Amino acid sequence: MRPDLEREYVEYVTARLPRLHRTAYLLCADAFQADDIVQATLTALYLNWSRAVGADNLDGYVHRILVRRYLDERRRRWSRVLLGDRVPELTAAPDDDVEARDELVTALRALPKGQRAVVVLRYFGDLSVEATAAALGCSTGNVKSQCARGLAALREALGPRHPVGAANTTKGR
């Protein structure tokens, strides 16, 4: 890769890495698997950077790669194999609201993968309806209907304590 393209790639990845990792984590609910998904996404992006940089919506292009890598991981049988006798404990920072985060992750995991992908990209990835549709390769109407169903399921699962999607329900419409 040419040095100028490589510099652009590094700048892009440096700016987007926390957001990509958060999106991957919310899709799969496993920090280690999220690392793997992000790494596979960034590898694919690096290999296609000269083409990707010319995309109309680079963030949508990258999120589409990320969602595809997530779905690819879910399809592999070995992804369900537990290599130890127990799941390791993850430590949290003292100021984290661990219970609320765990409730949200559990509720997200209960959603069908299409609804989960739409909700995560729209509300946690902060993509517009159009960018989410581009990332998932579907229509904006599909994004809106999947989002509405996903938010309704999250509201039902989380109860009135969590105002799920309340501030962003009209975003991108």
C-alpha atoms as a PDB file:
ATOM      1  CA  MET A   1       0.000   0.000   0.000  1.00  0.00           C
ATOM      2  CA  ARG A   2       1.210   3.500  -0.770  1.00  0.00           C
ATOM      3  CA  PRO A   3       2.386   5.471   2.283  1.00  0.00           C
ATOM      4  CA  ASP A   4      -0.295   8.146   1.869  1.00  0.00           C
ATOM      5  CA  LEU A   5      -3.083   5.526   1.710  1.00  0.00           C
ATOM      6  CA  GLU A   6      -1.625   3.694   4.689  1.00  0.00           C
ATOM      7  CA  ARG A   7      -1.527   6.933   6.691  1.00  0.00           C
ATOM      8  CA  GLU A   8      -5.208   7.572   5.822  1.00  0.00           C
ATOM      9  CA  TYR A   9      -6.071   4.021   6.878  1.00  0.00           C
ATOM     10  CA  VAL A  10      -4.274   4.385  10.228  1.00  0.00           C
ATOM     11  CA  GLU A  11      -5.971   7.723  10.910  1.00  0.00           C
ATOM     12  CA  TYR A  12      -9.391   6.312  10.050  1.00  0.00           C
ATOM     13  CA  VAL A  13      -8.932   3.200  12.188  1.00  0.00           C
ATOM     14  CA  THR A  14      -7.505   5.143  15.125  1.00  0.00           C
ATOM     15  CA  ALA A  15     -10.538   7.440  15.143  1.00  0.00           C
ATOM     16  CA  ARG A  16     -13.125   4.653  14.738  1.00  0.00           C
ATOM     17  CA  LEU A  17     -11.671   1.759  16.744  1.00  0.00           C
ATOM     18  CA  PRO A  18     -13.538   2.321  20.056  1.00  0.00           C
ATOM     19  CA  ARG A  19     -16.847   2.704  18.232  1.00  0.00           C
ATOM     20  CA  LEU A  20     -16.248  -0.404  16.110  1.00  0.00           C
ATOM     21  CA  HIS A  21     -15.342  -2.426  19.179  1.00  0.00           C
ATOM     22  CA  ARG A  22     -18.426  -1.237  21.058  1.00  0.00           C
ATOM     23  CA  THR A  23     -20.631  -2.124  18.084  1.00  0.00           C
ATOM     24  CA  ALA A  24     -19.077  -5.588  17.782  1.00  0.00           C
ATOM     25  CA  TYR A  25     -19.435  -6.157  21.527  1.00  0.00           C
ATOM     26  CA  LEU A  26     -23.101  -5.211  21.485  1.00  0.00           C
ATOM     27  CA  LEU A  27     -23.689  -7.585  18.569  1.00  0.00           C
ATOM     28  CA  CYS A  28     -21.988 -10.614  20.130  1.00  0.00           C
ATOM     29  CA  ALA A  29     -21.917  -9.795  23.889  1.00  0.00           C
ATOM     30  CA  ASP A  30     -18.391 -11.175  24.256  1.00  0.00           C
ATOM     31  CA  ALA A  31     -15.372  -8.877  24.500  1.00  0.00           C
ATOM     32  CA  PHE A  32     -12.948 -11.450  23.107  1.00  0.00           C
ATOM     33  CA  GLN A  33     -15.158 -12.341  20.168  1.00  0.00           C
ATOM     34  CA  ALA A  34     -15.699  -8.621  19.552  1.00  0.00           C
ATOM     35  CA  ASP A  35     -11.914  -8.215  19.336  1.00  0.00           C
ATOM     36  CA  ASP A  36     -11.781 -11.010  16.758  1.00  0.00           C
ATOM     37  CA  ILE A  37     -14.616  -9.512  14.719  1.00  0.00           C
ATOM     38  CA  VAL A  38     -13.033  -6.055  14.737  1.00  0.00           C
ATOM     39  CA  GLN A  39      -9.666  -7.508  13.774  1.00  0.00           C
ATOM     40  CA  ALA A  40     -11.194  -9.433  10.860  1.00  0.00           C
ATOM     41  CA  THR A  41     -13.076  -6.295   9.818  1.00  0.00           C
ATOM     42  CA  LEU A  42      -9.962  -4.129   9.882  1.00  0.00           C
ATOM     43  CA  THR A  43      -7.953  -6.745   8.009  1.00  0.00           C
ATOM     44  CA  ALA A  44     -10.572  -6.870   5.255  1.00  0.00           C
ATOM     45  CA  LEU A  45     -10.690  -3.077   5.222  1.00  0.00           C
ATOM     46  CA  TYR A  46      -6.900  -2.849   4.923  1.00  0.00           C
ATOM     47  CA  LEU A  47      -6.867  -5.273   2.003  1.00  0.00           C
ATOM     48  CA  ASN A  48      -9.534  -3.228   0.202  1.00  0.00           C
ATOM     49  CA  TRP A  49      -8.615   0.254   1.450  1.00  0.00           C
ATOM     50  CA  SER A  50      -7.937   1.767  -1.979  1.00  0.00           C
ATOM     51  CA  ARG A  51     -11.467   0.791  -3.062  1.00  0.00           C
ATOM     52  CA  ALA A  52     -13.104   1.494   0.308  1.00  0.00           C
ATOM     53  CA  VAL A  53     -11.762   5.042   0.553  1.00  0.00           C
ATOM     54  CA  GLY A  54     -13.735   5.863  -2.608  1.00  0.00           C
ATOM     55  CA  ALA A  55     -17.045   4.708  -1.107  1.00  0.00           C
ATOM     56  CA  ASP A  56     -19.808   7.286  -0.702  1.00  0.00           C
ATOM     57  CA  ASN A  57     -20.266   6.306   2.950  1.00  0.00           C
ATOM     58  CA  LEU A  58     -17.068   4.834   4.367  1.00  0.00           C
ATOM     59  CA  ASP A  59     -18.532   4.261   7.836  1.00  0.00           C
ATOM     60  CA  GLY A  60     -21.467   2.371   6.338  1.00  0.00           C
ATOM     61  CA  TYR A  61     -19.041   0.322   4.247  1.00  0.00           C
ATOM     62  CA  VAL A  62     -17.021  -0.600   7.335  1.00  0.00           C
ATOM     63  CA  HIS A  63     -20.107  -1.399   9.421  1.00  0.00           C
ATOM     64  CA  ARG A  64     -21.314  -3.677   6.641  1.00  0.00           C
ATOM     65  CA  ILE A  65     -18.018  -5.575   6.794  1.00  0.00           C
ATOM     66  CA  LEU A  66     -18.310  -5.747  10.596  1.00  0.00           C
ATOM     67  CA  VAL A  67     -21.861  -7.131  10.535  1.00  0.00           C
ATOM     68  CA  ARG A  68     -20.889  -9.691   7.898  1.00  0.00           C
ATOM     69  CA  ARG A  69     -17.920 -10.831   9.987  1.00  0.00           C
ATOM     70  CA  TYR A  70     -20.222 -11.145  13.008  1.00  0.00           C
ATOM     71  CA  LEU A  71     -22.715 -13.224  11.031  1.00  0.00           C
ATOM     72  CA  ASP A  72     -19.899 -15.373   9.620  1.00  0.00           C
ATOM     73  CA  GLU A  73     -18.711 -16.083  13.168  1.00  0.00           C
ATOM     74  CA  ARG A  74     -22.222 -17.063  14.253  1.00  0.00           C
ATOM     75  CA  ARG A  75     -22.493 -19.555  11.405  1.00  0.00           C
ATOM     76  CA  ARG A  76     -19.345 -21.454  12.381  1.00  0.00           C
ATOM     77  CA  ARG A  77     -20.002 -24.472  14.596  1.00  0.00           C
ATOM     78  CA  TRP A  78     -16.813 -24.018  16.605  1.00  0.00           C
ATOM     79  CA  SER A  79     -18.000 -20.600  17.764  1.00  0.00           C
ATOM     80  CA  ARG A  80     -20.305 -22.374  20.227  1.00  0.00           C
ATOM     81  CA  VAL A  81     -17.539 -24.492  21.758  1.00  0.00           C
ATOM     82  CA  LEU A  82     -16.404 -23.516  25.250  1.00  0.00           C
ATOM     83  CA  LEU A  83     -12.712 -24.289  25.617  1.00  0.00           C
ATOM     84  CA  GLY A  84     -12.664 -24.124  29.417  1.00  0.00           C
ATOM     85  CA  ASP A  85     -14.780 -25.542  32.197  1.00  0.00           C
ATOM     86  CA  ARG A  86     -16.204 -22.103  33.036  1.00  0.00           C
ATOM     87  CA  VAL A  87     -16.530 -18.664  31.532  1.00  0.00           C
ATOM     88  CA  PRO A  88     -13.920 -16.238  32.937  1.00  0.00           C
ATOM     89  CA  GLU A  89     -15.102 -13.375  35.090  1.00  0.00           C
ATOM     90  CA  LEU A  90     -14.729  -9.905  33.586  1.00  0.00           C
ATOM     91  CA  THR A  91     -13.924  -7.098  35.963  1.00  0.00           C
ATOM     92  CA  ALA A  92     -15.666  -3.754  35.673  1.00  0.00           C
ATOM     93  CA  ALA A  93     -14.628  -0.269  36.614  1.00  0.00           C
ATOM     94  CA  PRO A  94     -16.118   0.852  39.958  1.00  0.00           C
ATOM     95  CA  ASP A  95     -18.280   3.508  38.309  1.00  0.00           C
ATOM     96  CA  ASP A  96     -19.814   1.133  35.729  1.00  0.00           C
ATOM     97  CA  ASP A  97     -23.480   0.319  36.131  1.00  0.00           C
ATOM     98  CA  VAL A  98     -22.825  -3.389  35.691  1.00  0.00           C
ATOM     99  CA  GLU A  99     -26.385  -4.557  36.321  1.00  0.00           C
ATOM    100  CA  ALA A 100     -27.889  -2.169  33.777  1.00  0.00           C
ATOM    101  CA  ARG A 101     -25.265  -3.101  31.188  1.00  0.00           C
ATOM    102  CA  ASP A 102     -25.798  -6.818  31.794  1.00  0.00           C
ATOM    103  CA  GLU A 103     -29.569  -6.403  31.501  1.00  0.00           C
ATOM    104  CA  LEU A 104     -29.149  -4.538  28.227  1.00  0.00           C
ATOM    105  CA  VAL A 105     -26.698  -7.071  26.782  1.00  0.00           C
ATOM    106  CA  THR A 106     -28.981  -9.943  27.811  1.00  0.00           C
ATOM    107  CA  ALA A 107     -31.971  -8.229  26.212  1.00  0.00           C
ATOM    108  CA  LEU A 108     -29.969  -7.548  23.035  1.00  0.00           C
ATOM    109  CA  ARG A 109     -28.884 -11.197  22.854  1.00  0.00           C
ATOM    110  CA  ALA A 110     -32.526 -12.261  23.009  1.00  0.00           C
ATOM    111  CA  LEU A 111     -33.350 -10.291  19.857  1.00  0.00           C
ATOM    112  CA  PRO A 112     -33.230 -12.019  16.472  1.00  0.00           C
ATOM    113  CA  LYS A 113     -29.904 -11.233  14.782  1.00  0.00           C
ATOM    114  CA  GLY A 114     -31.466  -8.902  12.189  1.00  0.00           C
ATOM    115  CA  GLN A 115     -33.205  -6.789  14.815  1.00  0.00           C
ATOM    116  CA  ARG A 116     -30.089  -6.815  16.989  1.00  0.00           C
ATOM    117  CA  ALA A 117     -27.897  -5.628  14.115  1.00  0.00           C
ATOM    118  CA  VAL A 118     -30.305  -2.805  13.263  1.00  0.00           C
ATOM    119  CA  VAL A 119     -30.709  -1.629  16.873  1.00  0.00           C
ATOM    120  CA  VAL A 120     -26.976  -1.758  17.565  1.00  0.00           C
ATOM    121  CA  LEU A 121     -26.040   0.113  14.386  1.00  0.00           C
ATOM    122  CA  ARG A 122     -28.793   2.718  14.751  1.00  0.00           C
ATOM    123  CA  TYR A 123     -28.627   3.499  18.457  1.00  0.00           C
ATOM    124  CA  PHE A 124     -25.192   2.385  19.594  1.00  0.00           C
ATOM    125  CA  GLY A 125     -23.328   2.915  16.326  1.00  0.00           C
ATOM    126  CA  ASP A 126     -25.242   6.181  15.784  1.00  0.00           C
ATOM    127  CA  LEU A 127     -25.914   5.488  12.095  1.00  0.00           C
ATOM    128  CA  SER A 128     -28.816   6.983  10.211  1.00  0.00           C
ATOM    129  CA  VAL A 129     -31.553   4.792   8.729  1.00  0.00           C
ATOM    130  CA  GLU A 130     -29.937   5.137   5.309  1.00  0.00           C
ATOM    131  CA  ALA A 131     -26.439   4.307   6.577  1.00  0.00           C
ATOM    132  CA  THR A 132     -27.782   1.300   8.488  1.00  0.00           C
ATOM    133  CA  ALA A 133     -29.591   0.082   5.375  1.00  0.00           C
ATOM    134  CA  ALA A 134     -26.402   0.482   3.357  1.00  0.00           C
ATOM    135  CA  ALA A 135     -24.357  -1.351   5.999  1.00  0.00           C
ATOM    136  CA  LEU A 136     -26.806  -4.255   6.105  1.00  0.00           C
ATOM    137  CA  GLY A 137     -27.619  -4.289   2.395  1.00  0.00           C
ATOM    138  CA  CYS A 138     -31.359  -3.883   2.883  1.00  0.00           C
ATOM    139  CA  SER A 139     -34.053  -1.257   2.345  1.00  0.00           C
ATOM    140  CA  THR A 140     -34.687   1.686   4.649  1.00  0.00           C
ATOM    141  CA  GLY A 141     -38.195   0.346   5.238  1.00  0.00           C
ATOM    142  CA  ASN A 142     -36.715  -2.916   6.493  1.00  0.00           C
ATOM    143  CA  VAL A 143     -34.420  -0.992   8.847  1.00  0.00           C
ATOM    144  CA  LYS A 144     -37.365   1.011  10.220  1.00  0.00           C
ATOM    145  CA  SER A 145     -39.577  -2.056  10.764  1.00  0.00           C
ATOM    146  CA  GLN A 146     -36.762  -4.150  12.292  1.00  0.00           C
ATOM    147  CA  CYS A 147     -35.843  -1.205  14.510  1.00  0.00           C
ATOM    148  CA  ALA A 148     -39.423  -0.720  15.690  1.00  0.00           C
ATOM    149  CA  ARG A 149     -39.793  -4.422  16.494  1.00  0.00           C
ATOM    150  CA  GLY A 150     -36.409  -4.561  18.203  1.00  0.00           C
ATOM    151  CA  LEU A 151     -37.085  -1.498  20.333  1.00  0.00           C
ATOM    152  CA  ALA A 152     -40.508  -2.845  21.312  1.00  0.00           C
ATOM    153  CA  ALA A 153     -38.939  -6.137  22.378  1.00  0.00           C
ATOM    154  CA  LEU A 154     -36.234  -4.307  24.352  1.00  0.00           C
ATOM    155  CA  ARG A 155     -38.807  -2.106  26.082  1.00  0.00           C
ATOM    156  CA  GLU A 156     -40.796  -5.183  27.044  1.00  0.00           C
ATOM    157  CA  ALA A 157     -37.714  -7.040  28.280  1.00  0.00           C
ATOM    158  CA  LEU A 158     -36.209  -4.123  30.204  1.00  0.00           C
ATOM    159  CA  GLY A 159     -39.367  -2.598  31.608  1.00  0.00           C
ATOM    160  CA  PRO A 160     -40.111   1.060  32.357  1.00  0.00           C
ATOM    161  CA  ARG A 161     -36.780   1.722  34.151  1.00  0.00           C
ATOM    162  CA  HIS A 162     -34.908   1.875  30.839  1.00  0.00           C
ATOM    163  CA  PRO A 163     -36.110   4.453  28.271  1.00  0.00           C
ATOM    164  CA  VAL A 164     -34.919   2.350  25.300  1.00  0.00           C
ATOM    165  CA  GLY A 165     -34.566   4.428  22.155  1.00  0.00           C
ATOM    166  CA  ALA A 166     -36.744   7.216  23.528  1.00  0.00           C
ATOM    167  CA  ALA A 167     -34.430  10.031  22.491  1.00  0.00           C
ATOM    168  CA  ASN A 168     -33.651   8.653  19.038  1.00  0.00           C
ATOM    169  CA  THR A 169     -36.901   7.152  17.779  1.00  0.00           C
ATOM    170  CA  THR A 170     -37.340   9.802  15.088  1.00  0.00           C
ATOM    171  CA  LYS A 171     -33.686   9.954  14.083  1.00  0.00           C
ATOM    172  CA  GLY A 172     -33.179   9.535  10.358  1.00  0.00           C
ATOM    173  CA  ARG A 173     -36.864   9.424   9.428  1.00  0.00           C
END
